[in-house]
Amino acid sequence: MNTARLDRGHRYFAFFYSRFIAKGEERQWGDARRRVFGDLQGRVLEVGVGSGTSFSHYPTDVEVIATEPDPHMLKRARDRLQELHRSNIEVRQAAAEQLPFENAMFDHVVCTWVLCTVNDLSATLAELKRVLKPNGQLHFMDHVGNDTSGFWAGMQNVIAPVWHWMGAGCRINQRTEKAIEAAGFRFNWIEHVPGKVQPVIYGVARTA
């Protein structure tokens, strides 16, 4: 786990994201996010909640713990939660690679635009599986590596270092779909949205 993320965070990215990116992201991906969140019930963990864009999508009858490692994003998420007056959501600071929760504690785990940013994808997915109950569900949305075009996959590799620096640790060429399967999840459903340097996948997977 990179504990520096818990201490320093990304102050300027958090400001820029919450002021200029979050609303546009919601306009573009709100319908997909609503589908990803469609069957949530019981106890839910959201990993990497960012500035709290997802809070309005949660049903009021589910119990949500939302984690975020970046202290600057965390402050914005807590401010957002106060604005919404949602008593069923609790926000905590934690990194995805080392979650402070017991085994088999949650019915659902949600992560949107998160798996591209974690320091250790395999360790993160193992943690998500650990805290899920048997037959629990992983709800995900992320931009991923381009597997359909060698040229654009190469372009992703070229721009990846700059993208990682500008995007608060985002790895634009992450092979997330394969990693989810390798971690022992099985897809209930998955959608692929084509893109040259930012193809996207979203869906729901279940612990095997």
Protein backbone atom coordinates (compact mmCIF):
# COMPACT_ATOMS: atom_id res chain seq x y z
CA MET A 1 0.00 0.00 0.00
CA ASN A 2 1.28 3.46 -0.85
CA THR A 3 0.74 5.29 2.44
CA ALA A 4 1.84 8.55 0.84
CA ARG A 5 -1.53 8.62 -0.93
CA LEU A 6 -3.19 8.74 2.50
CA ASP A 7 -0.98 11.57 3.69
CA ARG A 8 -0.34 13.88 0.71
CA GLY A 9 -2.99 13.09 -1.85
CA HIS A 10 -3.43 15.17 -4.99
CA ARG A 11 -4.63 18.61 -3.94
CA TYR A 12 -4.77 20.22 -7.38
CA PHE A 13 -6.29 17.21 -9.12
CA ALA A 14 -9.00 17.00 -6.44
CA PHE A 15 -9.84 20.67 -7.00
CA PHE A 16 -9.84 20.38 -10.80
CA TYR A 17 -11.82 17.12 -10.80
CA SER A 18 -14.57 18.29 -8.46
CA ARG A 19 -14.92 21.69 -10.15
CA PHE A 20 -14.60 20.80 -13.84
CA ILE A 21 -14.66 17.04 -14.52
CA ALA A 22 -17.25 15.46 -12.20
CA LYS A 23 -20.33 17.11 -13.73
CA GLY A 24 -19.27 16.27 -17.27
CA GLU A 25 -18.52 12.71 -16.26
CA GLU A 26 -21.98 12.40 -14.72
CA ARG A 27 -23.63 13.73 -17.88
CA GLN A 28 -21.73 11.26 -20.04
CA TRP A 29 -21.79 8.21 -17.79
CA GLY A 30 -24.78 8.77 -15.48
CA ASP A 31 -27.03 6.27 -17.28
CA ALA A 32 -24.31 3.61 -17.23
CA ARG A 33 -23.64 4.27 -13.56
CA ARG A 34 -27.34 3.91 -12.76
CA ARG A 35 -27.33 0.53 -14.47
CA VAL A 36 -24.22 -0.56 -12.58
CA PHE A 37 -25.88 0.49 -9.31
CA GLY A 38 -29.19 -1.09 -10.28
CA ASP A 39 -29.53 -4.03 -7.88
CA LEU A 40 -27.72 -2.82 -4.76
CA GLN A 41 -29.13 -3.97 -1.45
CA GLY A 42 -27.99 -4.78 2.06
CA ARG A 43 -24.49 -3.63 3.03
CA VAL A 44 -22.41 -1.89 0.35
CA LEU A 45 -18.76 -0.85 0.22
CA GLU A 46 -17.67 1.77 -2.29
CA VAL A 47 -13.91 1.89 -2.85
CA GLY A 48 -12.43 5.15 -4.11
CA VAL A 49 -15.46 7.38 -3.79
CA GLY A 50 -13.58 10.47 -5.00
CA SER A 51 -15.58 13.65 -4.52
CA GLY A 52 -18.85 11.79 -3.88
CA THR A 53 -20.43 11.89 -7.34
CA SER A 54 -21.96 8.48 -6.75
CA PHE A 55 -23.81 9.33 -3.53
CA SER A 56 -27.03 10.40 -5.23
CA HIS A 57 -27.26 7.03 -7.01
CA TYR A 58 -27.59 4.98 -3.83
CA PRO A 59 -31.01 3.81 -2.65
CA THR A 60 -31.87 5.17 0.77
CA ASP A 61 -32.49 1.67 2.16
CA VAL A 62 -28.92 0.37 1.74
CA GLU A 63 -26.09 0.78 4.25
CA VAL A 64 -23.04 2.25 2.52
CA ILE A 65 -19.45 2.65 3.67
CA ALA A 66 -17.49 4.73 1.15
CA THR A 67 -13.68 4.79 1.28
CA GLU A 68 -11.20 7.20 -0.29
CA PRO A 69 -7.42 7.34 0.22
CA ASP A 70 -6.82 10.92 -0.95
CA PRO A 71 -7.40 13.43 1.90
CA HIS A 72 -8.37 16.21 -0.51
CA MET A 73 -10.96 14.08 -2.29
CA LEU A 74 -12.13 12.82 1.09
CA LYS A 75 -12.92 16.35 2.25
CA ARG A 76 -14.98 16.99 -0.88
CA ALA A 77 -16.83 13.70 -0.43
CA ARG A 78 -17.73 14.60 3.14
CA ASP A 79 -18.90 18.04 2.04
CA ARG A 80 -21.04 16.42 -0.66
CA LEU A 81 -22.54 14.03 1.88
CA GLN A 82 -23.53 16.93 4.13
CA GLU A 83 -25.21 18.65 1.19
CA LEU A 84 -27.29 15.54 0.44
CA HIS A 85 -28.21 14.82 4.09
CA ARG A 86 -27.79 11.08 3.55
CA SER A 87 -27.61 9.26 6.88
CA ASN A 88 -27.19 5.82 5.29
CA ILE A 89 -23.69 6.64 3.93
CA GLU A 90 -20.50 6.73 6.00
CA VAL A 91 -17.18 8.01 4.59
CA ARG A 92 -13.80 6.68 5.75
CA GLN A 93 -10.20 7.15 4.65
CA ALA A 94 -8.67 3.90 3.42
CA ALA A 95 -6.63 2.56 0.52
CA ALA A 96 -8.09 -0.17 -1.67
CA GLU A 97 -5.01 -2.37 -1.32
CA GLN A 98 -5.52 -2.75 2.45
CA LEU A 99 -9.12 -2.39 3.55
CA PRO A 100 -9.84 -2.11 7.30
CA PHE A 101 -12.80 -4.50 7.23
CA GLU A 102 -13.49 -8.07 8.28
CA ASN A 103 -13.85 -10.93 5.83
CA ALA A 104 -17.22 -11.44 4.13
CA MET A 105 -18.64 -8.18 5.49
CA PHE A 106 -20.39 -6.75 2.41
CA ASP A 107 -23.09 -7.86 -0.03
CA HIS A 108 -21.79 -5.56 -2.77
CA VAL A 109 -18.58 -3.69 -3.59
CA VAL A 110 -18.68 -0.70 -5.94
CA CYS A 111 -15.69 0.84 -7.72
CA THR A 112 -16.04 3.33 -10.57
CA TRP A 113 -12.99 4.94 -12.20
CA VAL A 114 -10.85 3.36 -9.47
CA LEU A 115 -9.14 0.16 -10.62
CA CYS A 116 -7.02 2.14 -13.09
CA THR A 117 -5.49 4.12 -10.21
CA VAL A 118 -4.59 1.49 -7.62
CA ASN A 119 -0.93 0.69 -7.02
CA ASP A 120 -1.45 -3.08 -7.04
CA LEU A 121 -4.46 -4.27 -9.06
CA SER A 122 -4.15 -7.94 -8.06
CA ALA A 123 -3.89 -7.08 -4.36
CA THR A 124 -6.85 -4.71 -4.63
CA LEU A 125 -9.08 -7.29 -6.30
CA ALA A 126 -8.06 -9.86 -3.70
CA GLU A 127 -9.11 -7.39 -0.99
CA LEU A 128 -12.45 -6.73 -2.68
CA LYS A 129 -13.10 -10.45 -2.91
CA ARG A 130 -12.06 -10.94 0.72
CA VAL A 131 -14.57 -8.43 2.10
CA LEU A 132 -17.42 -9.69 -0.08
CA LYS A 133 -19.81 -12.31 1.25
CA PRO A 134 -20.04 -15.62 -0.64
CA ASN A 135 -21.78 -14.93 -3.94
CA GLY A 136 -21.30 -11.20 -3.36
CA GLN A 137 -21.16 -8.80 -6.29
CA LEU A 138 -18.52 -6.43 -7.64
CA HIS A 139 -19.95 -3.42 -9.52
CA PHE A 140 -17.32 -1.71 -11.67
CA MET A 141 -16.74 0.96 -14.31
CA ASP A 142 -13.33 1.88 -15.66
CA HIS A 143 -11.35 2.93 -18.69
CA VAL A 144 -8.98 0.19 -19.79
CA GLY A 145 -6.25 -0.80 -22.20
CA ASN A 146 -7.17 -0.98 -25.89
CA ASP A 147 -7.32 -4.65 -26.92
CA THR A 148 -8.79 -4.07 -30.39
CA SER A 149 -6.16 -1.85 -32.05
CA GLY A 150 -2.43 -2.39 -31.89
CA PHE A 151 -1.83 1.19 -32.97
CA TRP A 152 -3.98 2.76 -30.28
CA ALA A 153 -2.72 0.31 -27.67
CA GLY A 154 0.76 1.52 -28.56
CA MET A 155 -0.37 5.13 -28.25
CA GLN A 156 -1.73 4.36 -24.79
CA ASN A 157 1.67 2.97 -23.81
CA VAL A 158 3.40 6.09 -25.15
CA ILE A 159 1.24 8.57 -23.25
CA ALA A 160 0.84 6.40 -20.13
CA PRO A 161 3.61 8.07 -18.05
CA VAL A 162 2.26 11.60 -18.65
CA TRP A 163 -1.32 10.42 -18.15
CA HIS A 164 -0.34 8.76 -14.87
CA TRP A 165 1.20 12.03 -13.63
CA MET A 166 -1.66 14.26 -14.76
CA GLY A 167 -4.43 11.87 -13.70
CA ALA A 168 -3.48 11.30 -10.06
CA GLY A 169 -2.02 7.86 -10.72
CA CYS A 170 -4.38 6.70 -13.49
CA ARG A 171 -2.99 3.84 -15.59
CA ILE A 172 -4.62 4.27 -18.97
CA ASN A 173 -3.43 0.89 -20.30
CA GLN A 174 -4.63 -1.29 -17.39
CA ARG A 175 -5.94 -4.77 -18.39
CA THR A 176 -8.76 -4.68 -15.85
CA GLU A 177 -11.18 -7.18 -17.38
CA LYS A 178 -8.59 -9.96 -17.41
CA ALA A 179 -7.49 -9.06 -13.90
CA ILE A 180 -11.05 -9.32 -12.55
CA GLU A 181 -11.37 -12.80 -14.02
CA ALA A 182 -7.92 -13.81 -12.76
CA ALA A 183 -8.95 -12.74 -9.25
CA GLY A 184 -11.71 -15.36 -9.26
CA PHE A 185 -14.74 -13.28 -10.25
CA ARG A 186 -17.25 -14.32 -12.89
CA PHE A 187 -19.13 -11.71 -14.90
CA ASN A 188 -22.90 -11.46 -14.54
CA TRP A 189 -22.73 -8.99 -17.40
CA ILE A 190 -20.20 -6.62 -18.92
CA GLU A 191 -20.44 -3.82 -21.47
CA HIS A 192 -17.56 -2.66 -23.69
CA VAL A 193 -17.58 0.95 -24.89
CA PRO A 194 -15.05 1.42 -27.72
CA GLY A 195 -12.52 4.22 -27.65
CA LYS A 196 -9.13 4.95 -29.12
CA VAL A 197 -7.20 5.89 -25.99
CA GLN A 198 -10.03 5.53 -23.48
CA PRO A 199 -12.14 2.43 -24.05
CA VAL A 200 -14.42 1.72 -21.09
CA ILE A 201 -15.84 -1.37 -19.49
CA TYR A 202 -18.63 -1.52 -16.93
CA GLY A 203 -20.69 -4.27 -15.41
CA VAL A 204 -21.24 -6.60 -12.48
CA ALA A 205 -19.20 -9.65 -11.48
CA ARG A 206 -19.80 -12.24 -8.79
CA THR A 207 -17.45 -14.09 -6.49
CA ALA A 208 -16.93 -17.61 -7.82
